[in-house]
Amino acid sequence: MKTTKWATSHGVAEQLAEELADLESRIACLTRSRDTIRGFLAQTEHRLVLDGTG
């Protein structure tokens, strides 16, 4: 069976969409982690780290 240009492009698009979804999930996880750390630092004596003056 011969692969058409459309089928190849469609397959690449699906693969890229899957990889993008994975990257977005990782970014969301890192964002939550960053926000948690910022919240912790804001509640402790380490506020200067957040302000960039410490």
PDB file of N, CA and C in Angstrom:
ATOM      1  N   MET A   1       0.851  -1.187   0.000  1.00  0.00           N
ATOM      2  CA  MET A   1       0.000   0.000   0.000  1.00  0.00           C
ATOM      3  C   MET A   1       0.885   1.235   0.000  1.00  0.00           C
ATOM      4  N   LYS A   2       0.632   2.142  -0.910  1.00  0.00           N
ATOM      5  CA  LYS A   2       1.418   3.351  -1.043  1.00  0.00           C
ATOM      6  C   LYS A   2       0.913   4.416  -0.056  1.00  0.00           C
ATOM      7  N   THR A   3       1.850   5.032   0.649  1.00  0.00           N
ATOM      8  CA  THR A   3       1.489   6.087   1.597  1.00  0.00           C
ATOM      9  C   THR A   3       1.350   7.397   0.843  1.00  0.00           C
ATOM     10  N   THR A   4       0.223   8.025   1.010  1.00  0.00           N
ATOM     11  CA  THR A   4       0.014   9.299   0.327  1.00  0.00           C
ATOM     12  C   THR A   4       0.629  10.425   1.125  1.00  0.00           C
ATOM     13  N   LYS A   5       0.852  11.537   0.453  1.00  0.00           N
ATOM     14  CA  LYS A   5       1.419  12.710   1.126  1.00  0.00           C
ATOM     15  C   LYS A   5       0.499  13.165   2.258  1.00  0.00           C
ATOM     16  N   TRP A   6      -0.812  13.107   2.048  1.00  0.00           N
ATOM     17  CA  TRP A   6      -1.764  13.506   3.079  1.00  0.00           C
ATOM     18  C   TRP A   6      -1.665  12.608   4.292  1.00  0.00           C
ATOM     19  N   ALA A   7      -1.573  11.299   4.045  1.00  0.00           N
ATOM     20  CA  ALA A   7      -1.508  10.345   5.157  1.00  0.00           C
ATOM     21  C   ALA A   7      -0.240  10.572   5.967  1.00  0.00           C
ATOM     22  N   THR A   8       0.865  10.853   5.286  1.00  0.00           N
ATOM     23  CA  THR A   8       2.119  11.112   5.983  1.00  0.00           C
ATOM     24  C   THR A   8       2.022  12.396   6.786  1.00  0.00           C
ATOM     25  N   SER A   9       1.501  13.444   6.188  1.00  0.00           N
ATOM     26  CA  SER A   9       1.339  14.722   6.887  1.00  0.00           C
ATOM     27  C   SER A   9       0.399  14.581   8.069  1.00  0.00           C
ATOM     28  N   HIS A  10      -0.661  13.826   7.873  1.00  0.00           N
ATOM     29  CA  HIS A  10      -1.631  13.605   8.942  1.00  0.00           C
ATOM     30  C   HIS A  10      -0.979  12.858  10.111  1.00  0.00           C
ATOM     31  N   GLY A  11      -0.182  11.865   9.801  1.00  0.00           N
ATOM     32  CA  GLY A  11       0.510  11.106  10.838  1.00  0.00           C
ATOM     33  C   GLY A  11       1.488  11.976  11.605  1.00  0.00           C
ATOM     34  N   VAL A  12       2.219  12.816  10.886  1.00  0.00           N
ATOM     35  CA  VAL A  12       3.163  13.724  11.543  1.00  0.00           C
ATOM     36  C   VAL A  12       2.404  14.704  12.428  1.00  0.00           C
ATOM     37  N   ALA A  13       1.300  15.217  11.949  1.00  0.00           N
ATOM     38  CA  ALA A  13       0.495  16.160  12.729  1.00  0.00           C
ATOM     39  C   ALA A  13      -0.017  15.504  14.011  1.00  0.00           C
ATOM     40  N   GLU A  14      -0.454  14.262  13.917  1.00  0.00           N
ATOM     41  CA  GLU A  14      -0.930  13.547  15.109  1.00  0.00           C
ATOM     42  C   GLU A  14       0.202  13.334  16.108  1.00  0.00           C
ATOM     43  N   GLN A  15       1.379  12.976  15.610  1.00  0.00           N
ATOM     44  CA  GLN A  15       2.525  12.764  16.489  1.00  0.00           C
ATOM     45  C   GLN A  15       2.912  14.070  17.176  1.00  0.00           C
ATOM     46  N   LEU A  16       2.948  15.157  16.431  1.00  0.00           N
ATOM     47  CA  LEU A  16       3.281  16.453  17.017  1.00  0.00           C
ATOM     48  C   LEU A  16       2.241  16.885  18.048  1.00  0.00           C
ATOM     49  N   ALA A  17       0.972  16.612  17.781  1.00  0.00           N
ATOM     50  CA  ALA A  17      -0.082  16.953  18.726  1.00  0.00           C
ATOM     51  C   ALA A  17       0.093  16.183  20.035  1.00  0.00           C
ATOM     52  N   GLU A  18       0.467  14.916  19.937  1.00  0.00           N
ATOM     53  CA  GLU A  18       0.700  14.111  21.140  1.00  0.00           C
ATOM     54  C   GLU A  18       1.892  14.644  21.930  1.00  0.00           C
ATOM     55  N   GLU A  19       2.958  14.995  21.216  1.00  0.00           N
ATOM     56  CA  GLU A  19       4.143  15.522  21.892  1.00  0.00           C
ATOM     57  C   GLU A  19       3.850  16.872  22.533  1.00  0.00           C
ATOM     58  N   LEU A  20       3.062  17.699  21.862  1.00  0.00           N
ATOM     59  CA  LEU A  20       2.690  18.995  22.410  1.00  0.00           C
ATOM     60  C   LEU A  20       1.855  18.826  23.678  1.00  0.00           C
ATOM     61  N   ALA A  21       0.932  17.893  23.662  1.00  0.00           N
ATOM     62  CA  ALA A  21       0.109  17.642  24.846  1.00  0.00           C
ATOM     63  C   ALA A  21       0.985  17.210  26.018  1.00  0.00           C
ATOM     64  N   ASP A  22       1.990  16.377  25.750  1.00  0.00           N
ATOM     65  CA  ASP A  22       2.907  15.936  26.802  1.00  0.00           C
ATOM     66  C   ASP A  22       3.706  17.117  27.343  1.00  0.00           C
ATOM     67  N   LEU A  23       4.200  17.953  26.461  1.00  0.00           N
ATOM     68  CA  LEU A  23       4.957  19.132  26.900  1.00  0.00           C
ATOM     69  C   LEU A  23       4.089  20.086  27.712  1.00  0.00           C
ATOM     70  N   GLU A  24       2.860  20.292  27.278  1.00  0.00           N
ATOM     71  CA  GLU A  24       1.953  21.175  28.023  1.00  0.00           C
ATOM     72  C   GLU A  24       1.675  20.615  29.418  1.00  0.00           C
ATOM     73  N   SER A  25       1.567  19.304  29.519  1.00  0.00           N
ATOM     74  CA  SER A  25       1.350  18.668  30.820  1.00  0.00           C
ATOM     75  C   SER A  25       2.560  18.884  31.724  1.00  0.00           C
ATOM     76  N   ARG A  26       3.751  18.745  31.175  1.00  0.00           N
ATOM     77  CA  ARG A  26       4.975  18.963  31.956  1.00  0.00           C
ATOM     78  C   ARG A  26       5.085  20.419  32.399  1.00  0.00           C
ATOM     79  N   ILE A  27       4.760  21.334  31.505  1.00  0.00           N
ATOM     80  CA  ILE A  27       4.813  22.761  31.845  1.00  0.00           C
ATOM     81  C   ILE A  27       3.830  23.072  32.961  1.00  0.00           C
ATOM     82  N   ALA A  28       2.637  22.513  32.885  1.00  0.00           N
ATOM     83  CA  ALA A  28       1.632  22.732  33.931  1.00  0.00           C
ATOM     84  C   ALA A  28       2.128  22.207  35.271  1.00  0.00           C
ATOM     85  N   CYS A  29       2.788  21.054  35.259  1.00  0.00           N
ATOM     86  CA  CYS A  29       3.330  20.476  36.491  1.00  0.00           C
ATOM     87  C   CYS A  29       4.416  21.378  37.065  1.00  0.00           C
ATOM     88  N   LEU A  30       5.312  21.853  36.214  1.00  0.00           N
ATOM     89  CA  LEU A  30       6.379  22.751  36.671  1.00  0.00           C
ATOM     90  C   LEU A  30       5.807  24.066  37.199  1.00  0.00           C
ATOM     91  N   THR A  31       4.766  24.561  36.560  1.00  0.00           N
ATOM     92  CA  THR A  31       4.132  25.799  37.009  1.00  0.00           C
ATOM     93  C   THR A  31       3.526  25.613  38.398  1.00  0.00           C
ATOM     94  N   ARG A  32       2.854  24.480  38.614  1.00  0.00           N
ATOM     95  CA  ARG A  32       2.289  24.201  39.941  1.00  0.00           C
ATOM     96  C   ARG A  32       3.396  24.102  40.986  1.00  0.00           C
ATOM     97  N   SER A  33       4.492  23.443  40.629  1.00  0.00           N
ATOM     98  CA  SER A  33       5.616  23.315  41.561  1.00  0.00           C
ATOM     99  C   SER A  33       6.192  24.687  41.894  1.00  0.00           C
ATOM    100  N   ARG A  34       6.389  25.508  40.884  1.00  0.00           N
ATOM    101  CA  ARG A  34       6.910  26.859  41.098  1.00  0.00           C
ATOM    102  C   ARG A  34       5.989  27.659  42.007  1.00  0.00           C
ATOM    103  N   ASP A  35       4.696  27.580  41.750  1.00  0.00           N
ATOM    104  CA  ASP A  35       3.739  28.329  42.555  1.00  0.00           C
ATOM    105  C   ASP A  35       3.722  27.842  44.003  1.00  0.00           C
ATOM    106  N   THR A  36       3.861  26.538  44.196  1.00  0.00           N
ATOM    107  CA  THR A  36       3.916  25.979  45.546  1.00  0.00           C
ATOM    108  C   THR A  36       5.151  26.479  46.281  1.00  0.00           C
ATOM    109  N   ILE A  37       6.281  26.466  45.607  1.00  0.00           N
ATOM    110  CA  ILE A  37       7.527  26.939  46.228  1.00  0.00           C
ATOM    111  C   ILE A  37       7.435  28.427  46.540  1.00  0.00           C
ATOM    112  N   ARG A  38       6.895  29.206  45.620  1.00  0.00           N
ATOM    113  CA  ARG A  38       6.726  30.639  45.874  1.00  0.00           C
ATOM    114  C   ARG A  38       5.826  30.881  47.086  1.00  0.00           C
ATOM    115  N   GLY A  39       4.756  30.120  47.175  1.00  0.00           N
ATOM    116  CA  GLY A  39       3.846  30.257  48.307  1.00  0.00           C
ATOM    117  C   GLY A  39       4.526  29.924  49.621  1.00  0.00           C
ATOM    118  N   PHE A  40       5.325  28.866  49.604  1.00  0.00           N
ATOM    119  CA  PHE A  40       6.060  28.475  50.801  1.00  0.00           C
ATOM    120  C   PHE A  40       7.043  29.571  51.200  1.00  0.00           C
ATOM    121  N   LEU A  41       7.810  30.050  50.231  1.00  0.00           N
ATOM    122  CA  LEU A  41       8.792  31.091  50.529  1.00  0.00           C
ATOM    123  C   LEU A  41       8.130  32.367  51.031  1.00  0.00           C
ATOM    124  N   ALA A  42       6.976  32.695  50.467  1.00  0.00           N
ATOM    125  CA  ALA A  42       6.262  33.905  50.881  1.00  0.00           C
ATOM    126  C   ALA A  42       5.802  33.807  52.328  1.00  0.00           C
ATOM    127  N   GLN A  43       5.549  32.587  52.798  1.00  0.00           N
ATOM    128  CA  GLN A  43       5.069  32.394  54.159  1.00  0.00           C
ATOM    129  C   GLN A  43       6.199  32.216  55.163  1.00  0.00           C
ATOM    130  N   THR A  44       7.413  32.186  54.707  1.00  0.00           N
ATOM    131  CA  THR A  44       8.552  31.988  55.601  1.00  0.00           C
ATOM    132  C   THR A  44       9.445  33.210  55.586  1.00  0.00           C
ATOM    133  N   GLU A  45      10.543  33.101  56.250  1.00  0.00           N
ATOM    134  CA  GLU A  45      11.478  34.219  56.333  1.00  0.00           C
ATOM    135  C   GLU A  45      12.280  34.404  55.040  1.00  0.00           C
ATOM    136  N   HIS A  46      11.995  33.608  54.027  1.00  0.00           N
ATOM    137  CA  HIS A  46      12.742  33.649  52.781  1.00  0.00           C
ATOM    138  C   HIS A  46      12.105  34.572  51.738  1.00  0.00           C
ATOM    139  N   ARG A  47      11.349  35.538  52.176  1.00  0.00           N
ATOM    140  CA  ARG A  47      10.702  36.472  51.235  1.00  0.00           C
ATOM    141  C   ARG A  47      11.734  37.204  50.384  1.00  0.00           C
ATOM    142  N   LEU A  48      12.914  37.441  50.942  1.00  0.00           N
ATOM    143  CA  LEU A  48      13.942  38.173  50.208  1.00  0.00           C
ATOM    144  C   LEU A  48      14.355  37.440  48.951  1.00  0.00           C
ATOM    145  N   VAL A  49      14.264  36.121  48.957  1.00  0.00           N
ATOM    146  CA  VAL A  49      14.611  35.343  47.767  1.00  0.00           C
ATOM    147  C   VAL A  49      13.643  35.691  46.637  1.00  0.00           C
ATOM    148  N   LEU A  50      12.374  35.849  46.965  1.00  0.00           N
ATOM    149  CA  LEU A  50      11.377  36.186  45.959  1.00  0.00           C
ATOM    150  C   LEU A  50      11.555  37.593  45.423  1.00  0.00           C
ATOM    151  N   ASP A  51      11.966  38.490  46.295  1.00  0.00           N
ATOM    152  CA  ASP A  51      12.143  39.887  45.893  1.00  0.00           C
ATOM    153  C   ASP A  51      13.418  40.099  45.100  1.00  0.00           C
ATOM    154  N   GLY A  52      14.307  39.132  45.137  1.00  0.00           N
ATOM    155  CA  GLY A  52      15.570  39.264  44.436  1.00  0.00           C
ATOM    156  C   GLY A  52      16.574  40.126  45.194  1.00  0.00           C
ATOM    157  N   THR A  53      16.280  40.400  46.450  1.00  0.00           N
ATOM    158  CA  THR A  53      17.185  41.234  47.234  1.00  0.00           C
ATOM    159  C   THR A  53      17.982  40.420  48.235  1.00  0.00           C
ATOM    160  N   GLY A  54      17.752  39.135  48.247  1.00  0.00           N
ATOM    161  CA  GLY A  54      18.417  38.310  49.250  1.00  0.00           C
ATOM    162  C   GLY A  54      19.536  37.479  48.726  1.00  0.00           C
TER     163      GLY A  54
END
